[in-house]
Amino acid sequence: MEKKTPILEMKGITKRFPNVVANEQVDLELYPGEVLALLGENGAGKSCLMNVLAGLYRADEGEIFIQGKRVEINSPRDAMLLGIGMVHQNFMLVDTMTVAENIILGLSDLPFVPDMGTVSKRIRELSERYNLQVDPESHIWQLSVGEQQRVEILKLIYRGAEILILDEPTAVLTPQESKQLNRIIHQMTREGKSAIFITHKMEEVIAFSDWVRVLHKGRLVTVKKTSQTNPQELARLMVGRDVLFRLEKKDRNLGGVALELKDVQAVDDKGLPALNGISLIIRSGEILGIAGVAGNGQKQLVEVLTGLRKTTGGKIRIFGEEKSNKSPLEIINTGVSHIPADRIARGIAGDMSVANNLAMKCYRKPPLAKKGILHPKRILDLANRMIELFHIHTPTPHTHAKFLSGGNIQKTILAREIDACRGLLIAAYPSRGLDVGATEFVRNQMIAQSESGTAILLISEDLEELLTVADKIAVLFEGHIMGIFRSNEADTERLGMMMTGMKEGIGELRD
């Protein structure tokens, strides 16, 4: 039987950054009609390797072959012309442009003045076909993180790439949508297209891929056929130890009401209703999970709770005090910590050091400051302690935060917010983009914080995470609470259905 020719070969790829070797002599092969899962813990070099393939980075050493022919990829345009499309973990979108403008940006076969009506119609057709709903006329800055992810997926589909690179594409999808994406990918591979899939969800590796390659500290350490491995083995290969996929929570006595929302209403950036009478209660020591497809009010809910958006009605009480429409600083001084959904735009200051980012919540007070004067040594001591405690991989505490991997940026935010928390933690997608070992660590931290008396509002599209960590789960749809349920009485299939507006299947919790 004749051996297939690889559609893609990467040979001896090496990429260096200051103080870091991101990829070292990495080889990769991808065959027509196959899906390759690329795994590794945070900072292992997965996204860097794919950024080389997508033309965002130039390799210091190595060669790339497409259909057996050596190619030079010096820009994303080069990659696009070679049929390579990538959905990035950190979105590559222009905030001030519309969805439709972003999707066609850079295409060379368009007239000087594109017919945007035709473009928008095509985007709507693809949105409906693949259940990736988004308004082509919306500006990117108006969209939630999940909606921006959908734009990236639509852009790849619209351009008809032959090699699809998917970096955590299901992070903001319901289980049903993830299954639909799986069907889309396999439909494309049946047509001869190929895909490289980066994910930290082991069940997706098994469901989506044909082959698995594992990177560790920039080197390729394992190549396996997916049918010959399992989630436990893959997790062990990634992080070098066994990982628990289910966590045990201790029974605990709940304290008083930490957060109470009563008929809270708010509008989105377009002035349209986003929260439509939200009422809920979280007690000290309790984790309440919010399940919902991105764009159903999660962003606005977090923003009204953290002082970043005004309410148009209703009351917010934190530890019994009225806190509706207070400033972010006043909310922080109340003891509230916030892990934001968009870690780049709102979670860090990229041009500041890791140490200064870690001190950002407590630099105003002793011991880091006295009479308005900062103490750099104390800031460095705090940073070193948190870097060790939260396993943040950074060359030094003085490294600019923007040079860290996405997962390590997330760990930096998590460390800062948990350290500064004084009773209420608003956590939006805290484990998004983290490897299985780091995800286990984050979930354990959530549980440990609740056991110490912290009330936690946990927003996530990862239903397995909510079922594992939360005590109760509220389903949010079009700004309404569809119901609040005990996590041990729910399952992913039914919750996923409710996230799309269906009410059947779960008995609502009655306190």
Foldseek 3Di string as FASTA:
>chain_A
DDDFDFQKWWFQFWADDVVATQAGGAIDTHHWLFEEEEAAFFSLNPLVVVCCLQQVDPTPDTWMDGSNHTDHRNHNLSNLVSQEAEQDPQHDADQAQFLLCRLCPPPDPAPPDHPSVVSQVVLCVVCVVLVLDDHRGDGNNQFDPLNSLSSSVSSSVVSRGLEYEYAQSCFQPAPVSLVSVLVVQSVSSVVGGYYYYYDQDQVCCLSRGQWYWYGGSNYTDDIGGSVPDGSQVVQCVRPVDGFDLFDDFDDDDWAAWFKWWFQWWFAGPVRHTQAGTDTDTWTFLAEEEEAARGPNRPQVVLCQLQLNGATPDTFMAGPRHTDGNHHNVVSLVSQEFEQDPNCVPPNADQQFFLLCSLCVSPCVDPPQDDPRRGDVVVSQVSSVVLCVVLVQDDSGRRHGLNPGGPQSSLSSSVSSRLVRGDAEYEYESSCPPGHSVSVSVVLVSLSVSSNVGHTYYYYGNPLSSCLRRHQKYFYGGNNDTLAIGGSVQDDSVVSSVVSVPDNDDGDGDDD
